[in-house]
């Protein structure tokens, strides 16, 4: 799996970075968690401060297009991100902690 950064823009209004990326070269469609880990490694960001907003696959192609918001503090995440997006990532994190 190869992750390429298409855009990395500062958004001073919301105190975050908007990152647009593409994922290519995979056999099975990677999960959001795997993509998030790779993205954080690539841009040197903390996973807790990164929110994947959109992840979509092009029809008939093995390519994912995505957008993430990278924050510098937890207060801005709670202030600016939509609640349902935060709940999605919390459910998956809670499920991982509960597994044995």
N, C-alpha and C. Protein backbone atom coordinates (compact mmCIF):
# COMPACT_ATOMS: atom_id res chain seq x y z
N UNK A 1 0.85 -1.18 0.00
CA UNK A 1 0.00 0.00 0.00
C UNK A 1 0.89 1.24 0.00
N UNK A 2 0.60 2.13 -0.90
CA UNK A 2 1.36 3.38 -1.01
C UNK A 2 0.42 4.56 -0.80
N UNK A 3 0.80 5.46 0.08
CA UNK A 3 0.00 6.64 0.37
C UNK A 3 0.74 7.87 -0.15
N UNK A 4 0.06 8.65 -0.97
CA UNK A 4 0.65 9.87 -1.53
C UNK A 4 -0.15 11.07 -1.05
N UNK A 5 0.54 12.11 -0.60
CA UNK A 5 -0.09 13.35 -0.17
C UNK A 5 -0.32 14.22 -1.40
N UNK A 6 -1.58 14.56 -1.66
CA UNK A 6 -1.90 15.43 -2.79
C UNK A 6 -1.83 16.90 -2.38
N UNK A 7 -2.37 17.23 -1.20
CA UNK A 7 -2.34 18.60 -0.68
C UNK A 7 -2.17 18.55 0.82
N UNK A 8 -1.44 19.51 1.34
CA UNK A 8 -1.28 19.67 2.78
C UNK A 8 -1.36 21.17 3.06
N UNK A 9 -2.57 21.65 3.38
CA UNK A 9 -2.82 23.08 3.51
C UNK A 9 -3.10 23.45 4.96
N UNK A 10 -2.59 24.59 5.38
CA UNK A 10 -2.93 25.13 6.69
C UNK A 10 -4.28 25.82 6.61
N UNK A 11 -5.13 25.54 7.59
CA UNK A 11 -6.43 26.19 7.70
C UNK A 11 -6.42 26.96 9.02
N UNK A 12 -6.01 28.20 8.95
CA UNK A 12 -5.83 29.01 10.16
C UNK A 12 -7.15 29.34 10.85
N UNK A 13 -8.23 29.38 10.11
CA UNK A 13 -9.53 29.69 10.70
C UNK A 13 -9.95 28.63 11.72
N UNK A 14 -9.66 27.36 11.42
CA UNK A 14 -10.05 26.26 12.31
C UNK A 14 -8.86 25.66 13.07
N UNK A 15 -7.70 26.28 12.97
CA UNK A 15 -6.49 25.82 13.67
C UNK A 15 -6.16 24.36 13.35
N UNK A 16 -6.14 24.03 12.06
CA UNK A 16 -5.86 22.66 11.65
C UNK A 16 -5.17 22.65 10.29
N UNK A 17 -4.73 21.46 9.88
CA UNK A 17 -4.22 21.25 8.53
C UNK A 17 -5.21 20.37 7.80
N UNK A 18 -5.51 20.73 6.58
CA UNK A 18 -6.35 19.91 5.71
C UNK A 18 -5.43 19.11 4.80
N UNK A 19 -5.50 17.79 4.90
CA UNK A 19 -4.62 16.92 4.12
C UNK A 19 -5.47 16.11 3.16
N UNK A 20 -5.16 16.20 1.88
CA UNK A 20 -5.81 15.39 0.85
C UNK A 20 -4.80 14.36 0.39
N UNK A 21 -5.23 13.10 0.28
CA UNK A 21 -4.28 12.03 -0.03
C UNK A 21 -4.91 10.98 -0.93
N UNK A 22 -4.05 10.16 -1.53
CA UNK A 22 -4.45 9.04 -2.38
C UNK A 22 -3.74 7.79 -1.89
N UNK A 23 -4.45 6.66 -1.89
CA UNK A 23 -3.87 5.38 -1.52
C UNK A 23 -3.97 4.47 -2.74
N UNK A 24 -2.83 3.91 -3.14
CA UNK A 24 -2.81 3.01 -4.29
C UNK A 24 -1.97 1.78 -3.94
N UNK A 25 -2.07 0.76 -4.78
CA UNK A 25 -1.23 -0.42 -4.64
C UNK A 25 -1.59 -1.30 -3.47
N UNK A 26 -2.84 -1.71 -3.36
CA UNK A 26 -3.26 -2.60 -2.29
C UNK A 26 -4.06 -3.75 -2.88
N UNK A 27 -4.07 -4.89 -2.19
CA UNK A 27 -4.83 -6.06 -2.64
C UNK A 27 -6.27 -5.99 -2.14
N UNK A 28 -6.45 -5.81 -0.85
CA UNK A 28 -7.77 -5.66 -0.25
C UNK A 28 -7.91 -4.23 0.23
N UNK A 29 -9.11 -3.70 0.18
CA UNK A 29 -9.34 -2.32 0.60
C UNK A 29 -8.94 -2.15 2.06
N UNK A 30 -8.01 -1.24 2.34
CA UNK A 30 -7.57 -1.04 3.72
C UNK A 30 -8.63 -0.33 4.56
N UNK A 31 -8.62 -0.60 5.85
CA UNK A 31 -9.57 0.04 6.76
C UNK A 31 -9.13 1.47 7.05
N UNK A 32 -10.04 2.25 7.62
CA UNK A 32 -9.71 3.64 7.98
C UNK A 32 -8.57 3.69 8.99
N UNK A 33 -8.54 2.72 9.91
CA UNK A 33 -7.49 2.70 10.93
C UNK A 33 -6.11 2.52 10.30
N UNK A 34 -6.02 1.61 9.33
CA UNK A 34 -4.74 1.36 8.67
C UNK A 34 -4.31 2.58 7.87
N UNK A 35 -5.25 3.20 7.17
CA UNK A 35 -4.95 4.40 6.39
C UNK A 35 -4.51 5.54 7.32
N UNK A 36 -5.20 5.66 8.45
CA UNK A 36 -4.87 6.72 9.42
C UNK A 36 -3.46 6.53 9.97
N UNK A 37 -3.09 5.28 10.28
CA UNK A 37 -1.74 5.00 10.78
C UNK A 37 -0.68 5.38 9.75
N UNK A 38 -0.90 4.99 8.51
CA UNK A 38 0.06 5.32 7.44
C UNK A 38 0.15 6.82 7.21
N UNK A 39 -0.99 7.50 7.24
CA UNK A 39 -1.01 8.94 7.05
C UNK A 39 -0.24 9.65 8.17
N UNK A 40 -0.47 9.22 9.39
CA UNK A 40 0.22 9.84 10.53
C UNK A 40 1.73 9.63 10.46
N UNK A 41 2.16 8.46 10.01
CA UNK A 41 3.60 8.22 9.82
C UNK A 41 4.16 9.14 8.75
N UNK A 42 3.41 9.32 7.69
CA UNK A 42 3.88 10.11 6.54
C UNK A 42 4.01 11.59 6.88
N UNK A 43 3.08 12.13 7.67
CA UNK A 43 3.10 13.58 7.94
C UNK A 43 3.56 13.90 9.36
N UNK A 44 4.02 12.89 10.10
CA UNK A 44 4.50 13.06 11.47
C UNK A 44 3.45 13.71 12.37
N UNK A 45 2.27 13.11 12.40
CA UNK A 45 1.17 13.62 13.22
C UNK A 45 0.76 12.55 14.24
N UNK A 46 0.14 12.99 15.30
CA UNK A 46 -0.37 12.06 16.31
C UNK A 46 -1.72 11.49 15.86
N UNK A 47 -1.93 10.19 16.01
CA UNK A 47 -3.22 9.60 15.61
C UNK A 47 -4.41 10.19 16.38
N UNK A 48 -4.20 10.57 17.63
CA UNK A 48 -5.30 11.16 18.41
C UNK A 48 -5.71 12.53 17.91
N UNK A 49 -4.83 13.20 17.20
CA UNK A 49 -5.09 14.55 16.69
C UNK A 49 -5.48 14.55 15.21
N UNK A 50 -5.66 13.36 14.64
CA UNK A 50 -5.98 13.23 13.22
C UNK A 50 -7.36 12.62 13.06
N UNK A 51 -8.17 13.23 12.20
CA UNK A 51 -9.53 12.75 11.93
C UNK A 51 -9.68 12.56 10.43
N UNK A 52 -9.98 11.33 10.01
CA UNK A 52 -10.25 11.09 8.59
C UNK A 52 -11.70 11.47 8.34
N UNK A 53 -11.87 12.46 7.48
CA UNK A 53 -13.20 13.02 7.21
C UNK A 53 -13.88 12.28 6.07
N UNK A 54 -13.11 11.92 5.05
CA UNK A 54 -13.68 11.31 3.87
C UNK A 54 -12.70 10.28 3.33
N UNK A 55 -13.21 9.14 2.94
CA UNK A 55 -12.41 8.10 2.32
C UNK A 55 -13.29 7.40 1.31
N UNK A 56 -12.97 7.56 0.03
CA UNK A 56 -13.83 6.99 -1.01
C UNK A 56 -12.99 6.28 -2.06
N UNK A 57 -13.57 5.23 -2.62
CA UNK A 57 -12.88 4.45 -3.63
C UNK A 57 -13.46 4.78 -5.00
N UNK A 58 -12.56 4.93 -5.97
CA UNK A 58 -13.01 5.17 -7.34
C UNK A 58 -13.58 3.88 -7.90
N UNK A 59 -14.66 3.99 -8.62
CA UNK A 59 -15.35 2.83 -9.16
C UNK A 59 -14.47 2.09 -10.17
N UNK A 60 -14.30 0.79 -9.93
CA UNK A 60 -13.56 -0.04 -10.84
C UNK A 60 -12.05 0.09 -10.75
N UNK A 61 -11.56 0.84 -9.80
CA UNK A 61 -10.11 1.04 -9.67
C UNK A 61 -9.67 0.72 -8.25
N UNK A 62 -8.42 0.35 -8.12
CA UNK A 62 -7.85 0.12 -6.80
C UNK A 62 -7.14 1.39 -6.35
N UNK A 63 -7.95 2.36 -6.00
CA UNK A 63 -7.43 3.65 -5.58
C UNK A 63 -8.42 4.30 -4.61
N UNK A 64 -7.91 4.76 -3.48
CA UNK A 64 -8.72 5.47 -2.51
C UNK A 64 -8.34 6.94 -2.51
N UNK A 65 -9.32 7.80 -2.43
CA UNK A 65 -9.10 9.23 -2.26
C UNK A 65 -9.63 9.61 -0.89
N UNK A 66 -8.89 10.43 -0.18
CA UNK A 66 -9.32 10.77 1.16
C UNK A 66 -8.93 12.16 1.58
N UNK A 67 -9.57 12.60 2.67
CA UNK A 67 -9.26 13.89 3.26
C UNK A 67 -9.24 13.72 4.77
N UNK A 68 -8.25 14.35 5.40
CA UNK A 68 -8.12 14.28 6.85
C UNK A 68 -7.87 15.67 7.41
N UNK A 69 -8.27 15.85 8.66
CA UNK A 69 -7.99 17.09 9.39
C UNK A 69 -7.01 16.74 10.49
N UNK A 70 -5.93 17.52 10.59
CA UNK A 70 -4.91 17.31 11.61
C UNK A 70 -4.90 18.53 12.53
N UNK A 71 -5.18 18.29 13.80
CA UNK A 71 -5.28 19.37 14.78
C UNK A 71 -4.05 19.39 15.68
N UNK A 72 -3.86 20.51 16.36
CA UNK A 72 -2.74 20.64 17.29
C UNK A 72 -3.17 20.40 18.73
N UNK A 73 -4.48 20.46 19.01
CA UNK A 73 -4.95 20.17 20.37
C UNK A 73 -6.35 19.55 20.34
N UNK A 74 -6.67 18.88 21.44
CA UNK A 74 -7.93 18.13 21.54
C UNK A 74 -9.15 19.06 21.62
N UNK A 75 -8.99 20.23 22.19
CA UNK A 75 -10.11 21.16 22.33
C UNK A 75 -10.65 21.58 20.95
N UNK A 76 -9.76 21.81 19.99
CA UNK A 76 -10.20 22.20 18.65
C UNK A 76 -10.94 21.06 17.95
N UNK A 77 -10.54 19.82 18.20
CA UNK A 77 -11.26 18.69 17.62
C UNK A 77 -12.70 18.70 18.12
N UNK A 78 -12.87 18.82 19.42
CA UNK A 78 -14.22 18.80 19.99
C UNK A 78 -15.04 20.01 19.54
N UNK A 79 -14.38 21.11 19.30
CA UNK A 79 -15.07 22.34 18.93
C UNK A 79 -15.51 22.35 17.46
N UNK A 80 -14.68 21.83 16.56
CA UNK A 80 -14.94 22.00 15.13
C UNK A 80 -15.41 20.76 14.38
N UNK A 81 -15.07 19.58 14.86
CA UNK A 81 -15.46 18.37 14.12
C UNK A 81 -16.90 17.99 14.40
N UNK A 82 -17.55 17.42 13.41
CA UNK A 82 -18.93 16.98 13.56
C UNK A 82 -18.99 15.77 14.49
N UNK A 83 -20.02 15.74 15.30
CA UNK A 83 -20.15 14.71 16.33
C UNK A 83 -20.21 13.30 15.76
N UNK A 84 -20.92 13.10 14.66
CA UNK A 84 -21.07 11.75 14.13
C UNK A 84 -19.75 11.20 13.60
N UNK A 85 -18.87 12.06 13.12
CA UNK A 85 -17.56 11.59 12.66
C UNK A 85 -16.71 11.17 13.86
N UNK A 86 -16.77 11.93 14.92
CA UNK A 86 -16.03 11.57 16.14
C UNK A 86 -16.57 10.27 16.75
N UNK A 87 -17.89 10.08 16.72
CA UNK A 87 -18.48 8.86 17.28
C UNK A 87 -18.06 7.63 16.50
N UNK A 88 -17.94 7.75 15.19
CA UNK A 88 -17.50 6.62 14.38
C UNK A 88 -16.11 6.15 14.79
N UNK A 89 -15.21 7.07 14.96
CA UNK A 89 -13.84 6.67 15.33
C UNK A 89 -13.78 6.18 16.77
N UNK A 90 -14.62 6.71 17.65
CA UNK A 90 -14.64 6.24 19.03
C UNK A 90 -15.15 4.81 19.12
N UNK A 91 -16.16 4.47 18.33
CA UNK A 91 -16.69 3.11 18.35
C UNK A 91 -15.62 2.11 17.96
N UNK A 92 -14.87 2.40 16.94
CA UNK A 92 -13.85 1.47 16.48
C UNK A 92 -12.71 1.37 17.47
N UNK A 93 -12.34 2.49 18.09
CA UNK A 93 -11.28 2.45 19.10
C UNK A 93 -11.74 1.67 20.32
N UNK A 94 -12.98 1.84 20.74
CA UNK A 94 -13.51 1.13 21.90
C UNK A 94 -13.60 -0.37 21.62
N UNK A 95 -13.97 -0.73 20.39
CA UNK A 95 -14.06 -2.13 20.02
C UNK A 95 -12.68 -2.79 20.09
N UNK A 96 -11.65 -2.10 19.63
CA UNK A 96 -10.31 -2.65 19.67
C UNK A 96 -9.85 -2.88 21.11
N UNK A 97 -10.17 -1.96 22.00
CA UNK A 97 -9.75 -2.09 23.39
C UNK A 97 -10.48 -3.26 24.06
N UNK A 98 -11.71 -3.54 23.69
CA UNK A 98 -12.50 -4.60 24.28
C UNK A 98 -12.15 -6.00 23.76
N UNK A 99 -11.49 -6.07 22.61
CA UNK A 99 -11.12 -7.37 22.03
C UNK A 99 -9.98 -8.00 22.82
N UNK A 100 -9.93 -9.33 22.78
CA UNK A 100 -8.83 -10.04 23.45
C UNK A 100 -8.01 -10.80 22.46
